């Protein structure tokens, strides 16, 4: 399931406000899996404790990548609109010069 950046940030804020560490860790791992984040090396070797900062960073990076991957559509549509506008202007100039 693809999530947009704002809903990810909202979910992340809600997860981080949880007081129960076990529930917070489970929710972070679930959100990371939804976004397709790698879950390797997210535990401290000595204690086995979840590295929340690392998981949060990976979640934010994945959400940012998802958002950035959609920006090329905006650029493509903008370029297409510019071409249409230029062609329209060219047709108007040709029409005005050669057709009285």
Protein backbone atom coordinates (compact mmCIF):
# COMPACT_ATOMS: atom_id res chain seq x y z
CA UNK A 1 0.00 0.00 0.00
CA UNK A 2 1.49 3.31 -1.11
CA UNK A 3 1.19 6.12 1.38
CA UNK A 4 1.70 9.80 0.71
CA UNK A 5 4.15 11.77 2.79
CA UNK A 6 1.60 13.62 4.91
CA UNK A 7 -0.25 10.51 6.01
CA UNK A 8 3.07 8.85 6.83
CA UNK A 9 4.10 11.82 8.96
CA UNK A 10 0.71 11.77 10.70
CA UNK A 11 0.99 8.04 11.39
CA UNK A 12 4.56 8.45 12.56
CA UNK A 13 3.57 11.18 15.03
CA UNK A 14 0.78 8.99 16.38
CA UNK A 15 3.13 6.02 16.75
CA UNK A 16 5.84 8.01 18.49
CA UNK A 17 3.32 9.39 20.98
CA UNK A 18 2.54 5.86 22.20
CA UNK A 19 3.75 5.29 25.74
CA UNK A 20 4.13 1.51 25.51
CA UNK A 21 7.56 0.74 23.98
CA UNK A 22 6.54 -2.71 22.72
CA UNK A 23 3.46 -1.37 20.90
CA UNK A 24 5.46 1.54 19.50
CA UNK A 25 8.13 -0.83 18.18
CA UNK A 26 5.55 -3.10 16.59
CA UNK A 27 3.76 -0.16 14.98
CA UNK A 28 7.06 1.24 13.65
CA UNK A 29 8.01 -2.10 12.14
CA UNK A 30 4.55 -2.46 10.56
CA UNK A 31 4.70 1.01 8.99
CA UNK A 32 8.23 0.34 7.76
CA UNK A 33 7.08 -2.89 6.13
CA UNK A 34 4.14 -1.10 4.45
CA UNK A 35 6.60 1.33 2.90
CA UNK A 36 9.00 -1.42 1.87
CA UNK A 37 11.82 -0.40 4.20
CA UNK A 38 14.66 -2.77 4.98
CA UNK A 39 14.41 -4.03 8.53
CA UNK A 40 17.97 -5.33 8.71
CA UNK A 41 20.24 -3.99 11.47
CA UNK A 42 17.47 -2.24 13.40
CA UNK A 43 18.38 -3.82 16.74
CA UNK A 44 21.32 -3.14 19.06
CA UNK A 45 23.64 -6.10 19.07
CA UNK A 46 24.29 -6.16 22.81
CA UNK A 47 20.82 -5.47 24.18
CA UNK A 48 18.54 -6.49 21.29
CA UNK A 49 16.70 -3.19 21.71
CA UNK A 50 14.97 -1.68 18.68
CA UNK A 51 16.81 1.34 17.28
CA UNK A 52 13.77 3.60 16.92
CA UNK A 53 15.74 6.50 15.45
CA UNK A 54 17.01 4.27 12.64
CA UNK A 55 13.55 2.89 11.87
CA UNK A 56 12.06 6.41 11.88
CA UNK A 57 14.82 7.61 9.55
CA UNK A 58 14.16 4.73 7.16
CA UNK A 59 10.42 5.41 7.20
CA UNK A 60 10.96 9.09 6.46
CA UNK A 61 13.43 8.28 3.67
CA UNK A 62 10.98 5.82 2.09
CA UNK A 63 8.12 8.34 2.25
CA UNK A 64 10.34 11.05 0.75
CA UNK A 65 11.44 8.70 -2.04
CA UNK A 66 7.82 7.85 -2.82
CA UNK A 67 6.94 11.54 -3.03
CA UNK A 68 9.98 12.38 -5.14
CA UNK A 69 9.27 9.54 -7.54
CA UNK A 70 5.96 11.20 -8.39
CA UNK A 71 7.52 14.59 -9.16
CA UNK A 72 8.56 13.55 -12.65
CA UNK A 73 4.87 13.41 -13.58
CA UNK A 74 4.52 17.06 -12.62
CA UNK A 75 7.56 17.94 -14.73
CA UNK A 76 6.24 15.96 -17.70
CA UNK A 77 2.79 17.57 -17.56
CA UNK A 78 4.38 21.00 -17.21
CA UNK A 79 6.58 20.38 -20.26
CA UNK A 80 3.60 19.14 -22.29
CA UNK A 81 1.61 22.25 -21.35
CA UNK A 82 4.54 24.46 -22.43
CA UNK A 83 4.71 22.72 -25.81
CA UNK A 84 0.97 23.12 -26.35
CA UNK A 85 1.20 26.78 -25.38
CA UNK A 86 4.11 27.38 -27.78
CA UNK A 87 2.30 25.66 -30.64
CA UNK A 88 -0.82 27.69 -29.98
CA UNK A 89 1.20 30.91 -30.02
CA UNK A 90 2.94 29.87 -33.25
CA UNK A 91 -0.38 29.09 -34.92
CA UNK A 92 -1.76 32.45 -33.79
CA UNK A 93 1.24 34.31 -35.22
CA UNK A 94 1.10 32.42 -38.52
CA UNK A 95 -2.62 32.98 -38.75
CA UNK A 96 -2.26 36.71 -38.07
CA UNK A 97 0.56 37.17 -40.63
CA UNK A 98 -0.65 35.11 -43.55
CA UNK A 99 -4.40 35.12 -43.23
CA UNK A 100 -5.84 38.64 -43.31
